Amino acid sequence: MKKKPVSARCGLLAGGNWIIDQVKLIHVFPQPEQLANILDQSQGTGGAPYNVLVDLARMEAPFPLVAAGLVGKDSLGERILDDCKELRIDARHLRQTAEAPTSYTDVMTEVQGGRRTFFHMRGANAHWSGLDLDFDRLKARMFHLGYLLLLDELDKPDRACGTKAAALLAAAQAAGLRTSIDVVSEDSDRFTQVVTPALKYTDYCIVNEIEAGKTTGFKIRQPDGTLDTVSLRHAAGALLQLGVRELVVVHFPEGSFARTRKGDDYWQPSLKLPPKAIAGTAGAGDAFAAGVLLGLHEGWDLKKCLETGVCAAAASLSHPTCTGGMKPLRSVLSLARRYGFQQPLEPAE
């Protein structure tokens, strides 16, 4: 099938996991059979498309935002649809089903440092195949899909493309969309089986250092927890060799690293936030992705895209929910002036 020109398209379509996060602030995560006190609780967004689209809407992205996925016919599903309506996110492709409840996650967040633990109910997300999407009729320029490894139907094998997610991405590319993916950080050996086939049909791969390492086999953290920049660069290169067409971006608490198909490398440190500015880390990765995708859609240079990504991540860290801390783009970028960046990442040779 002949590709259509990307320039004829505008907007971002995001599909995959739609989740309501039930965030509970706890003093400390307990040992088995022990008690932990819940100090506060709130409800927020969860899942790659939900978080990314809400973040983009709150950053006042100057292009259409389109939702795709499956939620239940229940109060949580209505909450998600109401959010989309309020934020002017096109939800015509975000469908409801009576066959499964809306997915939710209990997020246990420790007050000191924001470390979190997730208890997840897959719900309707497990049944979404994306087969209802007609990419030839959709006008979006980009299709963001996530999270691989947490979409049961799309993680299934496909004879032609490897997985059903890969086939969905292939269909989007064939219609002229640029594709991007995100992955869940699960402790398993499924990355090669599920993630690798999708890379051949991915233009922009935006993952964290755990996911990059699991997919490629490189150990990106040294035994003492410090970043192994040599392994990080090797992992990014391996993702490109596995099929990513244009760009690999790996984000981590210290900042981010990007490598292009041409072999150009970019390092971007994160903001120098004081501990009191960090209320929770649950949405930082999706916020980073939203900032990068905003810049890629608008044709910014990659350095500006990465700076926007780390600033968006910093805004997300200010609130215990995934998207409650997001602000208009001008306010997000002003965080760099307020806090400054951490020391430049010094890549080892």
C-alpha atoms as a PDB file:
ATOM      1  CA  MET A   1       0.000   0.000   0.000  1.00  0.00           C
ATOM      2  CA  LYS A   2       1.361   3.381  -0.979  1.00  0.00           C
ATOM      3  CA  LYS A   3       2.016   5.745   1.919  1.00  0.00           C
ATOM      4  CA  LYS A   4       0.220   9.044   2.123  1.00  0.00           C
ATOM      5  CA  PRO A   5       2.243  12.181   2.864  1.00  0.00           C
ATOM      6  CA  VAL A   6       2.509  12.954   6.582  1.00  0.00           C
ATOM      7  CA  SER A   7       2.140  16.670   5.854  1.00  0.00           C
ATOM      8  CA  ALA A   8      -1.507  16.118   4.904  1.00  0.00           C
ATOM      9  CA  ARG A   9      -2.264  15.005   8.445  1.00  0.00           C
ATOM     10  CA  CYS A  10      -2.559  16.777  11.823  1.00  0.00           C
ATOM     11  CA  GLY A  11      -3.095  15.676  15.384  1.00  0.00           C
ATOM     12  CA  LEU A  12      -2.263  12.807  17.700  1.00  0.00           C
ATOM     13  CA  LEU A  13      -4.284   9.621  18.075  1.00  0.00           C
ATOM     14  CA  ALA A  14      -3.481   7.703  21.270  1.00  0.00           C
ATOM     15  CA  GLY A  15      -4.756   4.196  21.946  1.00  0.00           C
ATOM     16  CA  GLY A  16      -4.270   1.445  24.476  1.00  0.00           C
ATOM     17  CA  ASN A  17      -4.733   1.376  28.250  1.00  0.00           C
ATOM     18  CA  TRP A  18      -7.428   3.562  29.816  1.00  0.00           C
ATOM     19  CA  ILE A  19      -7.142   3.268  33.577  1.00  0.00           C
ATOM     20  CA  ILE A  20      -8.443   5.033  36.647  1.00  0.00           C
ATOM     21  CA  ASP A  21      -5.708   5.289  39.264  1.00  0.00           C
ATOM     22  CA  GLN A  22      -6.785   5.112  42.891  1.00  0.00           C
ATOM     23  CA  VAL A  23      -3.752   6.791  44.486  1.00  0.00           C
ATOM     24  CA  LYS A  24      -3.212   6.206  48.198  1.00  0.00           C
ATOM     25  CA  LEU A  25      -0.438   7.997  50.073  1.00  0.00           C
ATOM     26  CA  ILE A  26       1.067   5.704  52.688  1.00  0.00           C
ATOM     27  CA  HIS A  27       3.756   6.233  55.301  1.00  0.00           C
ATOM     28  CA  VAL A  28       5.720   3.133  54.275  1.00  0.00           C
ATOM     29  CA  PHE A  29       5.078   0.000  52.237  1.00  0.00           C
ATOM     30  CA  PRO A  30       4.416  -2.792  54.752  1.00  0.00           C
ATOM     31  CA  GLN A  31       5.979  -6.203  55.074  1.00  0.00           C
ATOM     32  CA  PRO A  32       3.625  -9.193  54.553  1.00  0.00           C
ATOM     33  CA  GLU A  33       0.887  -9.403  57.190  1.00  0.00           C
ATOM     34  CA  GLN A  34       1.797  -5.944  58.501  1.00  0.00           C
ATOM     35  CA  LEU A  35      -0.256  -2.736  58.438  1.00  0.00           C
ATOM     36  CA  ALA A  36       0.388   0.574  56.696  1.00  0.00           C
ATOM     37  CA  ASN A  37      -1.659   3.702  57.310  1.00  0.00           C
ATOM     38  CA  ILE A  38      -3.272   5.503  54.369  1.00  0.00           C
ATOM     39  CA  LEU A  39      -2.619   9.202  54.963  1.00  0.00           C
ATOM     40  CA  ASP A  40      -4.483  10.571  51.950  1.00  0.00           C
ATOM     41  CA  GLN A  41      -6.112   9.352  48.753  1.00  0.00           C
ATOM     42  CA  SER A  42      -7.113  10.721  45.385  1.00  0.00           C
ATOM     43  CA  GLN A  43      -8.331   9.529  42.020  1.00  0.00           C
ATOM     44  CA  GLY A  44      -6.551  10.229  38.753  1.00  0.00           C
ATOM     45  CA  THR A  45      -5.774   9.184  35.232  1.00  0.00           C
ATOM     46  CA  GLY A  46      -3.782   6.106  34.257  1.00  0.00           C
ATOM     47  CA  GLY A  47      -2.533   4.415  31.107  1.00  0.00           C
ATOM     48  CA  ALA A  48      -0.481   5.727  28.205  1.00  0.00           C
ATOM     49  CA  PRO A  49      -3.212   7.249  25.999  1.00  0.00           C
ATOM     50  CA  TYR A  50      -5.174   8.718  28.906  1.00  0.00           C
ATOM     51  CA  ASN A  51      -2.132  10.328  30.512  1.00  0.00           C
ATOM     52  CA  VAL A  52      -0.530  11.546  27.293  1.00  0.00           C
ATOM     53  CA  LEU A  53      -3.716  13.076  25.893  1.00  0.00           C
ATOM     54  CA  VAL A  54      -4.651  14.783  29.170  1.00  0.00           C
ATOM     55  CA  ASP A  55      -1.105  16.126  29.515  1.00  0.00           C
ATOM     56  CA  LEU A  56      -1.169  17.459  25.957  1.00  0.00           C
ATOM     57  CA  ALA A  57      -4.578  19.032  26.505  1.00  0.00           C
ATOM     58  CA  ARG A  58      -3.373  20.764  29.667  1.00  0.00           C
ATOM     59  CA  MET A  59      -0.226  21.928  27.886  1.00  0.00           C
ATOM     60  CA  GLU A  60      -2.624  23.420  25.309  1.00  0.00           C
ATOM     61  CA  ALA A  61      -1.234  21.467  22.369  1.00  0.00           C
ATOM     62  CA  PRO A  62      -2.218  23.292  19.161  1.00  0.00           C
ATOM     63  CA  PHE A  63      -3.499  20.215  17.307  1.00  0.00           C
ATOM     64  CA  PRO A  64      -6.385  17.714  17.558  1.00  0.00           C
ATOM     65  CA  LEU A  65      -6.239  15.015  20.238  1.00  0.00           C
ATOM     66  CA  VAL A  66      -8.029  11.730  19.553  1.00  0.00           C
ATOM     67  CA  ALA A  67      -8.681   8.862  21.986  1.00  0.00           C
ATOM     68  CA  ALA A  68      -8.972   5.173  21.121  1.00  0.00           C
ATOM     69  CA  GLY A  69      -9.624   2.203  23.370  1.00  0.00           C
ATOM     70  CA  LEU A  70     -12.238   0.431  25.452  1.00  0.00           C
ATOM     71  CA  VAL A  71     -13.817   1.235  28.824  1.00  0.00           C
ATOM     72  CA  GLY A  72     -16.634  -0.349  30.752  1.00  0.00           C
ATOM     73  CA  LYS A  73     -20.240   0.783  30.976  1.00  0.00           C
ATOM     74  CA  ASP A  74     -19.748   1.896  34.560  1.00  0.00           C
ATOM     75  CA  SER A  75     -19.038   4.979  36.654  1.00  0.00           C
ATOM     76  CA  LEU A  76     -15.272   4.841  36.024  1.00  0.00           C
ATOM     77  CA  GLY A  77     -15.866   4.625  32.276  1.00  0.00           C
ATOM     78  CA  GLU A  78     -18.174   7.629  32.446  1.00  0.00           C
ATOM     79  CA  ARG A  79     -15.511   9.507  34.399  1.00  0.00           C
ATOM     80  CA  ILE A  80     -13.012   8.920  31.598  1.00  0.00           C
ATOM     81  CA  LEU A  81     -15.468  10.028  28.914  1.00  0.00           C
ATOM     82  CA  ASP A  82     -16.348  13.124  30.943  1.00  0.00           C
ATOM     83  CA  ASP A  83     -12.644  14.005  31.196  1.00  0.00           C
ATOM     84  CA  CYS A  84     -12.293  13.737  27.420  1.00  0.00           C
ATOM     85  CA  LYS A  85     -15.321  15.954  26.869  1.00  0.00           C
ATOM     86  CA  GLU A  86     -14.081  18.573  29.334  1.00  0.00           C
ATOM     87  CA  LEU A  87     -10.624  18.666  27.750  1.00  0.00           C
ATOM     88  CA  ARG A  88     -11.916  18.570  24.153  1.00  0.00           C
ATOM     89  CA  ILE A  89     -10.374  15.196  23.409  1.00  0.00           C
ATOM     90  CA  ASP A  90     -12.197  13.459  20.557  1.00  0.00           C
ATOM     91  CA  ALA A  91     -13.562  10.259  22.142  1.00  0.00           C
ATOM     92  CA  ARG A  92     -15.513   8.823  19.205  1.00  0.00           C
ATOM     93  CA  HIS A  93     -13.105   5.871  19.077  1.00  0.00           C
ATOM     94  CA  LEU A  94     -13.095   5.348  22.844  1.00  0.00           C
ATOM     95  CA  ARG A  95     -15.867   2.778  23.090  1.00  0.00           C
ATOM     96  CA  GLN A  96     -17.779   1.250  26.006  1.00  0.00           C
ATOM     97  CA  THR A  97     -18.468  -2.426  26.663  1.00  0.00           C
ATOM     98  CA  ALA A  98     -20.729  -4.275  29.065  1.00  0.00           C
ATOM     99  CA  GLU A  99     -18.480  -7.332  28.906  1.00  0.00           C
ATOM    100  CA  ALA A 100     -15.792  -6.022  31.284  1.00  0.00           C
ATOM    101  CA  PRO A 101     -15.360  -3.222  33.832  1.00  0.00           C
ATOM    102  CA  THR A 102     -13.198  -0.181  33.323  1.00  0.00           C
ATOM    103  CA  SER A 103      -9.605  -0.922  34.239  1.00  0.00           C
ATOM    104  CA  TYR A 104      -8.270   0.505  37.493  1.00  0.00           C
ATOM    105  CA  THR A 105      -5.056   0.471  39.503  1.00  0.00           C
ATOM    106  CA  ASP A 106      -4.512   0.879  43.229  1.00  0.00           C
ATOM    107  CA  VAL A 107      -1.325   2.955  43.431  1.00  0.00           C
ATOM    108  CA  MET A 108       0.357   2.814  46.818  1.00  0.00           C
ATOM    109  CA  THR A 109       2.676   5.823  47.021  1.00  0.00           C
ATOM    110  CA  GLU A 110       5.130   6.270  49.873  1.00  0.00           C
ATOM    111  CA  VAL A 111       5.151   9.831  51.205  1.00  0.00           C
ATOM    112  CA  GLN A 112       8.932   9.981  51.453  1.00  0.00           C
ATOM    113  CA  GLY A 113      10.375  10.019  47.911  1.00  0.00           C
ATOM    114  CA  GLY A 114       7.202   9.119  46.037  1.00  0.00           C
ATOM    115  CA  ARG A 115       8.088   5.443  45.451  1.00  0.00           C
ATOM    116  CA  ARG A 116       4.991   3.584  44.314  1.00  0.00           C
ATOM    117  CA  THR A 117       3.643   0.021  44.022  1.00  0.00           C
ATOM    118  CA  PHE A 118       0.809  -0.950  41.684  1.00  0.00           C
ATOM    119  CA  PHE A 119      -2.102  -3.378  42.058  1.00  0.00           C
ATOM    120  CA  HIS A 120      -3.772  -3.551  38.654  1.00  0.00           C
ATOM    121  CA  MET A 121      -7.117  -4.810  37.328  1.00  0.00           C
ATOM    122  CA  ARG A 122      -6.900  -5.188  33.533  1.00  0.00           C
ATOM    123  CA  GLY A 123     -10.636  -4.949  32.811  1.00  0.00           C
ATOM    124  CA  ALA A 124     -11.844  -3.713  29.432  1.00  0.00           C
ATOM    125  CA  ASN A 125      -8.335  -2.931  28.188  1.00  0.00           C
ATOM    126  CA  ALA A 126      -7.680  -6.661  27.834  1.00  0.00           C
ATOM    127  CA  HIS A 127     -10.339  -6.853  25.109  1.00  0.00           C
ATOM    128  CA  TRP A 128      -9.309  -3.921  22.899  1.00  0.00           C
ATOM    129  CA  SER A 129      -7.989  -4.965  19.489  1.00  0.00           C
ATOM    130  CA  GLY A 130      -7.978  -1.643  17.633  1.00  0.00           C
ATOM    131  CA  LEU A 131      -9.737  -3.304  14.692  1.00  0.00           C
ATOM    132  CA  ASP A 132     -12.364  -0.556  14.742  1.00  0.00           C
ATOM    133  CA  LEU A 133      -9.763   2.052  13.708  1.00  0.00           C
ATOM    134  CA  ASP A 134      -9.832   3.015  10.040  1.00  0.00           C
ATOM    135  CA  PHE A 135      -6.523   4.818   9.659  1.00  0.00           C
ATOM    136  CA  ASP A 136      -7.335   5.867   6.088  1.00  0.00           C
ATOM    137  CA  ARG A 137     -10.287   7.891   7.380  1.00  0.00           C
ATOM    138  CA  LEU A 138      -8.599   9.227  10.508  1.00  0.00           C
ATOM    139  CA  LYS A 139      -6.774  12.524   9.978  1.00  0.00           C
ATOM    140  CA  ALA A 140      -4.198  12.251  12.766  1.00  0.00           C
ATOM    141  CA  ARG A 141      -0.512  12.638  11.958  1.00  0.00           C
ATOM    142  CA  MET A 142       0.747  10.393  14.774  1.00  0.00           C
ATOM    143  CA  PHE A 143      -0.450   7.218  16.496  1.00  0.00           C
ATOM    144  CA  HIS A 144       0.816   6.558  20.030  1.00  0.00           C
ATOM    145  CA  LEU A 145       0.198   3.023  21.333  1.00  0.00           C
ATOM    146  CA  GLY A 146       0.767   1.859  24.898  1.00  0.00           C
ATOM    147  CA  TYR A 147       1.357  -0.054  26.937  1.00  0.00           C
ATOM    148  CA  LEU A 148       2.685  -3.088  25.151  1.00  0.00           C
ATOM    149  CA  LEU A 149       2.759  -6.080  27.551  1.00  0.00           C
ATOM    150  CA  LEU A 150      -0.445  -4.804  29.206  1.00  0.00           C
ATOM    151  CA  LEU A 151      -2.882  -5.148  26.280  1.00  0.00           C
ATOM    152  CA  ASP A 152      -3.900  -8.796  26.242  1.00  0.00           C
ATOM    153  CA  GLU A 153      -5.558  -8.870  22.821  1.00  0.00           C
ATOM    154  CA  LEU A 154      -2.862  -6.830  21.088  1.00  0.00           C
ATOM    155  CA  ASP A 155      -0.064  -8.810  22.739  1.00  0.00           C
ATOM    156  CA  LYS A 156      -1.296 -12.000  21.039  1.00  0.00           C
ATOM    157  CA  PRO A 157       0.670 -13.517  18.120  1.00  0.00           C
ATOM    158  CA  ASP A 158      -0.025 -12.494  14.543  1.00  0.00           C
ATOM    159  CA  ARG A 159       1.135 -14.658  11.656  1.00  0.00           C
ATOM    160  CA  ALA A 160       2.137 -11.801   9.365  1.00  0.00           C
ATOM    161  CA  CYS A 161       3.598  -9.198  11.746  1.00  0.00           C
ATOM    162  CA  GLY A 162       4.504 -11.123  14.875  1.00  0.00           C
ATOM    163  CA  THR A 163       1.902  -9.634  17.219  1.00  0.00           C
ATOM    164  CA  LYS A 164      -1.487  -8.009  16.763  1.00  0.00           C
ATOM    165  CA  ALA A 165      -0.023  -4.749  18.094  1.00  0.00           C
ATOM    166  CA  ALA A 166       2.631  -4.872  15.373  1.00  0.00           C
ATOM    167  CA  ALA A 167      -0.090  -5.429  12.778  1.00  0.00           C
ATOM    168  CA  LEU A 168      -2.038  -2.423  14.098  1.00  0.00           C
ATOM    169  CA  LEU A 169       1.073  -0.243  13.921  1.00  0.00           C
ATOM    170  CA  ALA A 170       1.781  -1.515  10.401  1.00  0.00           C
ATOM    171  CA  ALA A 171      -1.716  -0.500   9.323  1.00  0.00           C
ATOM    172  CA  ALA A 172      -1.207   2.973  10.770  1.00  0.00           C
ATOM    173  CA  GLN A 173       2.111   3.398   8.961  1.00  0.00           C
ATOM    174  CA  ALA A 174       0.647   2.177   5.693  1.00  0.00           C
ATOM    175  CA  ALA A 175      -2.029   4.875   5.945  1.00  0.00           C
ATOM    176  CA  GLY A 176       0.625   7.567   6.428  1.00  0.00           C
ATOM    177  CA  LEU A 177       0.771   8.023  10.209  1.00  0.00           C
ATOM    178  CA  ARG A 178       3.953   8.211  12.240  1.00  0.00           C
ATOM    179  CA  THR A 179       3.822   5.630  15.022  1.00  0.00           C
ATOM    180  CA  SER A 180       5.180   5.664  18.574  1.00  0.00           C
ATOM    181  CA  ILE A 181       5.066   3.064  21.324  1.00  0.00           C
ATOM    182  CA  ASP A 182       5.427   2.770  25.060  1.00  0.00           C
ATOM    183  CA  VAL A 183       5.924  -0.342  27.185  1.00  0.00           C
ATOM    184  CA  VAL A 184       5.005  -1.312  30.728  1.00  0.00           C
ATOM    185  CA  SER A 185       7.861  -2.037  33.140  1.00  0.00           C
ATOM    186  CA  GLU A 186       6.990  -5.590  34.093  1.00  0.00           C
ATOM    187  CA  ASP A 187       9.340  -8.156  35.609  1.00  0.00           C
ATOM    188  CA  SER A 188       9.147 -10.874  32.954  1.00  0.00           C
ATOM    189  CA  ASP A 189      10.895 -12.445  29.989  1.00  0.00           C
ATOM    190  CA  ARG A 190       8.131 -11.482  27.510  1.00  0.00           C
ATOM    191  CA  PHE A 191       9.834  -8.411  26.077  1.00  0.00           C
ATOM    192  CA  THR A 192      11.462 -10.210  23.140  1.00  0.00           C
ATOM    193  CA  GLN A 193       8.236 -12.013  22.294  1.00  0.00           C
ATOM    194  CA  VAL A 194       5.875  -9.028  22.565  1.00  0.00           C
ATOM    195  CA  VAL A 195       7.875  -5.820  22.154  1.00  0.00           C
ATOM    196  CA  THR A 196      10.434  -6.773  19.497  1.00  0.00           C
ATOM    197  CA  PRO A 197       7.916  -7.482  16.664  1.00  0.00           C
ATOM    198  CA  ALA A 198       6.379  -4.024  17.111  1.00  0.00           C
ATOM    199  CA  LEU A 199       9.701  -2.232  16.644  1.00  0.00           C
ATOM    200  CA  LYS A 200       9.688  -2.874  12.887  1.00  0.00           C
ATOM    201  CA  TYR A 201       6.550  -0.751  12.609  1.00  0.00           C
ATOM    202  CA  THR A 202       7.576   1.986  15.069  1.00  0.00           C
ATOM    203  CA  ASP A 203       8.865   5.412  14.060  1.00  0.00           C
ATOM    204  CA  TYR A 204       9.439   6.733  17.587  1.00  0.00           C
ATOM    205  CA  CYS A 205      10.264   4.353  20.450  1.00  0.00           C
ATOM    206  CA  ILE A 206       9.940   6.145  23.807  1.00  0.00           C
ATOM    207  CA  VAL A 207      10.759   3.864  26.767  1.00  0.00           C
ATOM    208  CA  ASN A 208      12.508   3.990  30.115  1.00  0.00           C
ATOM    209  CA  GLU A 209      15.860   2.419  30.884  1.00  0.00           C
ATOM    210  CA  ILE A 210      14.295  -0.699  32.433  1.00  0.00           C
ATOM    211  CA  GLU A 211      12.204  -1.393  29.330  1.00  0.00           C
ATOM    212  CA  ALA A 212      15.100  -0.663  26.971  1.00  0.00           C
ATOM    213  CA  GLY A 213      17.321  -3.057  28.896  1.00  0.00           C
ATOM    214  CA  LYS A 214      14.703  -5.809  29.092  1.00  0.00           C
ATOM    215  CA  THR A 215      14.032  -5.605  25.351  1.00  0.00           C
ATOM    216  CA  THR A 216      17.668  -5.638  24.241  1.00  0.00           C
ATOM    217  CA  GLY A 217      19.390  -7.619  27.005  1.00  0.00           C
ATOM    218  CA  PHE A 218      21.699  -4.806  28.143  1.00  0.00           C
ATOM    219  CA  LYS A 219      22.140  -4.005  31.837  1.00  0.00           C
ATOM    220  CA  ILE A 220      21.767  -0.237  31.940  1.00  0.00           C
ATOM    221  CA  ARG A 221      22.132   0.083  35.714  1.00  0.00           C
ATOM    222  CA  GLN A 222      25.417  -0.802  37.381  1.00  0.00           C
ATOM    223  CA  PRO A 223      25.335  -2.865  40.614  1.00  0.00           C
ATOM    224  CA  ASP A 224      25.508   0.327  42.700  1.00  0.00           C
ATOM    225  CA  GLY A 225      22.491   1.758  40.838  1.00  0.00           C
ATOM    226  CA  THR A 226      24.363   4.291  38.712  1.00  0.00           C
ATOM    227  CA  LEU A 227      23.594   4.649  35.032  1.00  0.00           C
ATOM    228  CA  ASP A 228      25.836   2.703  32.639  1.00  0.00           C
ATOM    229  CA  THR A 229      25.948   5.141  29.741  1.00  0.00           C
ATOM    230  CA  VAL A 230      27.823   2.717  27.478  1.00  0.00           C
ATOM    231  CA  SER A 231      25.131   0.051  27.881  1.00  0.00           C
ATOM    232  CA  LEU A 232      22.465   2.713  27.453  1.00  0.00           C
ATOM    233  CA  ARG A 233      23.848   3.759  24.085  1.00  0.00           C
ATOM    234  CA  HIS A 234      24.231   0.134  23.029  1.00  0.00           C
ATOM    235  CA  ALA A 235      20.596  -0.533  23.978  1.00  0.00           C
ATOM    236  CA  ALA A 236      19.374   2.459  21.959  1.00  0.00           C
ATOM    237  CA  GLY A 237      21.423   1.284  18.988  1.00  0.00           C
ATOM    238  CA  ALA A 238      20.033  -2.242  19.347  1.00  0.00           C
ATOM    239  CA  LEU A 239      16.451  -0.924  19.317  1.00  0.00           C
ATOM    240  CA  LEU A 240      17.214   0.814  16.029  1.00  0.00           C
ATOM    241  CA  GLN A 241      18.767  -2.374  14.660  1.00  0.00           C
ATOM    242  CA  LEU A 242      15.615  -4.246  15.663  1.00  0.00           C
ATOM    243  CA  GLY A 243      13.612  -2.005  13.360  1.00  0.00           C
ATOM    244  CA  VAL A 244      12.751   1.380  14.878  1.00  0.00           C
ATOM    245  CA  ARG A 245      12.646   3.651  11.843  1.00  0.00           C
ATOM    246  CA  GLU A 246      13.508   7.149  13.038  1.00  0.00           C
ATOM    247  CA  LEU A 247      14.192   7.698  16.724  1.00  0.00           C
ATOM    248  CA  VAL A 248      14.803   5.943  20.039  1.00  0.00           C
ATOM    249  CA  VAL A 249      14.360   7.958  23.240  1.00  0.00           C
ATOM    250  CA  VAL A 250      15.212   6.443  26.617  1.00  0.00           C
ATOM    251  CA  HIS A 251      14.181   8.336  29.756  1.00  0.00           C
ATOM    252  CA  PHE A 252      15.287   7.770  33.337  1.00  0.00           C
ATOM    253  CA  PRO A 253      15.287   9.774  36.598  1.00  0.00           C
ATOM    254  CA  GLU A 254      18.615  11.433  35.725  1.00  0.00           C
ATOM    255  CA  GLY A 255      17.362  12.653  32.328  1.00  0.00           C
ATOM    256  CA  SER A 256      17.056  11.218  28.833  1.00  0.00           C
ATOM    257  CA  PHE A 257      19.049   9.978  25.866  1.00  0.00           C
ATOM    258  CA  ALA A 258      18.052   9.927  22.211  1.00  0.00           C
ATOM    259  CA  ARG A 259      19.616   8.318  19.161  1.00  0.00           C
ATOM    260  CA  THR A 260      18.403   8.934  15.621  1.00  0.00           C
ATOM    261  CA  ARG A 261      18.462   6.585  12.654  1.00  0.00           C
ATOM    262  CA  LYS A 262      21.354   8.690  11.319  1.00  0.00           C
ATOM    263  CA  GLY A 263      23.355   7.891  14.470  1.00  0.00           C
ATOM    264  CA  ASP A 264      23.159  11.301  16.133  1.00  0.00           C
ATOM    265  CA  ASP A 265      23.119  11.193  19.958  1.00  0.00           C
ATOM    266  CA  TYR A 266      21.465  13.674  22.323  1.00  0.00           C
ATOM    267  CA  TRP A 267      21.733  13.809  26.135  1.00  0.00           C
ATOM    268  CA  GLN A 268      19.366  15.823  28.302  1.00  0.00           C
ATOM    269  CA  PRO A 269      19.598  15.974  32.118  1.00  0.00           C
ATOM    270  CA  SER A 270      16.446  16.242  34.204  1.00  0.00           C
ATOM    271  CA  LEU A 271      15.531  19.238  36.338  1.00  0.00           C
ATOM    272  CA  LYS A 272      17.207  19.776  39.702  1.00  0.00           C
ATOM    273  CA  LEU A 273      14.098  19.365  41.834  1.00  0.00           C
ATOM    274  CA  PRO A 274      14.233  19.552  45.632  1.00  0.00           C
ATOM    275  CA  PRO A 275      12.619  16.594  47.440  1.00  0.00           C
ATOM    276  CA  LYS A 276       9.687  18.751  48.558  1.00  0.00           C
ATOM    277  CA  ALA A 277       8.779  19.353  44.881  1.00  0.00           C
ATOM    278  CA  ILE A 278       8.179  15.622  44.299  1.00  0.00           C
ATOM    279  CA  ALA A 279       4.742  14.385  45.377  1.00  0.00           C
ATOM    280  CA  GLY A 280       4.616  11.252  43.220  1.00  0.00           C
ATOM    281  CA  THR A 281       6.380   9.640  40.275  1.00  0.00           C
ATOM    282  CA  ALA A 282       3.543   7.619  38.714  1.00  0.00           C
ATOM    283  CA  GLY A 283       2.974   9.824  35.648  1.00  0.00           C
ATOM    284  CA  ALA A 284       6.455  11.135  34.918  1.00  0.00           C
ATOM    285  CA  GLY A 285       7.203   8.756  32.030  1.00  0.00           C
ATOM    286  CA  ASP A 286       3.982   9.524  30.177  1.00  0.00           C
ATOM    287  CA  ALA A 287       4.440  13.253  30.817  1.00  0.00           C
ATOM    288  CA  PHE A 288       7.931  13.027  29.327  1.00  0.00           C
ATOM    289  CA  ALA A 289       6.496  11.201  26.304  1.00  0.00           C
ATOM    290  CA  ALA A 290       3.796  13.862  25.909  1.00  0.00           C
ATOM    291  CA  GLY A 291       6.401  16.633  25.849  1.00  0.00           C
ATOM    292  CA  VAL A 292       8.539  14.822  23.280  1.00  0.00           C
ATOM    293  CA  LEU A 293       5.555  13.958  21.070  1.00  0.00           C
ATOM    294  CA  LEU A 294       4.381  17.582  21.204  1.00  0.00           C
ATOM    295  CA  GLY A 295       7.730  18.710  19.867  1.00  0.00           C
ATOM    296  CA  LEU A 296       7.953  15.979  17.234  1.00  0.00           C
ATOM    297  CA  HIS A 297       4.489  16.841  15.942  1.00  0.00           C
ATOM    298  CA  GLU A 298       5.415  20.507  15.706  1.00  0.00           C
ATOM    299  CA  GLY A 299       8.740  19.801  13.963  1.00  0.00           C
ATOM    300  CA  TRP A 300      10.978  21.147  16.747  1.00  0.00           C
ATOM    301  CA  ASP A 301      14.648  20.218  16.891  1.00  0.00           C
ATOM    302  CA  LEU A 302      15.321  17.172  19.049  1.00  0.00           C
ATOM    303  CA  LYS A 303      17.100  19.125  21.797  1.00  0.00           C
ATOM    304  CA  LYS A 304      13.984  21.234  22.357  1.00  0.00           C
ATOM    305  CA  CYS A 305      11.817  18.102  22.304  1.00  0.00           C
ATOM    306  CA  LEU A 306      13.888  16.506  25.071  1.00  0.00           C
ATOM    307  CA  GLU A 307      13.953  19.684  27.158  1.00  0.00           C
ATOM    308  CA  THR A 308      10.166  19.882  26.891  1.00  0.00           C
ATOM    309  CA  GLY A 309       9.965  16.232  27.912  1.00  0.00           C
ATOM    310  CA  VAL A 310      11.980  16.632  31.119  1.00  0.00           C
ATOM    311  CA  CYS A 311      10.101  19.826  32.011  1.00  0.00           C
ATOM    312  CA  ALA A 312       6.764  18.030  31.527  1.00  0.00           C
ATOM    313  CA  ALA A 313       8.033  15.169  33.696  1.00  0.00           C
ATOM    314  CA  ALA A 314       8.966  17.679  36.407  1.00  0.00           C
ATOM    315  CA  ALA A 315       5.483  19.194  36.284  1.00  0.00           C
ATOM    316  CA  SER A 316       3.978  15.721  36.676  1.00  0.00           C
ATOM    317  CA  LEU A 317       6.132  15.015  39.739  1.00  0.00           C
ATOM    318  CA  SER A 318       4.480  17.888  41.601  1.00  0.00           C
ATOM    319  CA  HIS A 319       1.243  15.907  42.113  1.00  0.00           C
ATOM    320  CA  PRO A 320       0.565  12.376  43.412  1.00  0.00           C
ATOM    321  CA  THR A 321      -1.667  11.547  40.415  1.00  0.00           C
ATOM    322  CA  CYS A 322      -0.339  11.061  36.894  1.00  0.00           C
ATOM    323  CA  THR A 323      -1.654  14.279  35.315  1.00  0.00           C
ATOM    324  CA  GLY A 324      -2.785  16.508  38.191  1.00  0.00           C
ATOM    325  CA  GLY A 325       0.425  18.556  38.083  1.00  0.00           C
ATOM    326  CA  MET A 326       0.382  19.382  34.369  1.00  0.00           C
ATOM    327  CA  LYS A 327       0.139  23.045  33.348  1.00  0.00           C
ATOM    328  CA  PRO A 328       0.108  25.124  30.143  1.00  0.00           C
ATOM    329  CA  LEU A 329       3.288  24.771  28.115  1.00  0.00           C
ATOM    330  CA  ARG A 330       4.655  28.183  29.083  1.00  0.00           C
ATOM    331  CA  SER A 331       4.420  27.298  32.786  1.00  0.00           C
ATOM    332  CA  VAL A 332       5.916  23.852  32.167  1.00  0.00           C
ATOM    333  CA  LEU A 333       8.955  25.316  30.390  1.00  0.00           C
ATOM    334  CA  SER A 334       9.388  27.946  33.104  1.00  0.00           C
ATOM    335  CA  LEU A 335      10.298  25.156  35.521  1.00  0.00           C
ATOM    336  CA  ALA A 336      13.703  24.947  33.825  1.00  0.00           C
ATOM    337  CA  ARG A 337      14.396  28.570  34.759  1.00  0.00           C
ATOM    338  CA  ARG A 338      13.123  28.040  38.280  1.00  0.00           C
ATOM    339  CA  TYR A 339      15.071  24.900  39.143  1.00  0.00           C
ATOM    340  CA  GLY A 340      17.765  24.555  36.500  1.00  0.00           C
ATOM    341  CA  PHE A 341      19.056  21.270  35.104  1.00  0.00           C
ATOM    342  CA  GLN A 342      21.109  18.664  36.875  1.00  0.00           C
ATOM    343  CA  GLN A 343      24.760  18.237  35.982  1.00  0.00           C
ATOM    344  CA  PRO A 344      25.218  17.272  32.304  1.00  0.00           C
ATOM    345  CA  LEU A 345      25.278  13.543  31.741  1.00  0.00           C
ATOM    346  CA  GLU A 346      28.837  12.573  30.886  1.00  0.00           C
ATOM    347  CA  PRO A 347      28.751   9.619  28.506  1.00  0.00           C
ATOM    348  CA  ALA A 348      31.568   7.131  29.059  1.00  0.00           C
ATOM    349  CA  GLU A 349      33.587   6.175  26.026  1.00  0.00           C
END
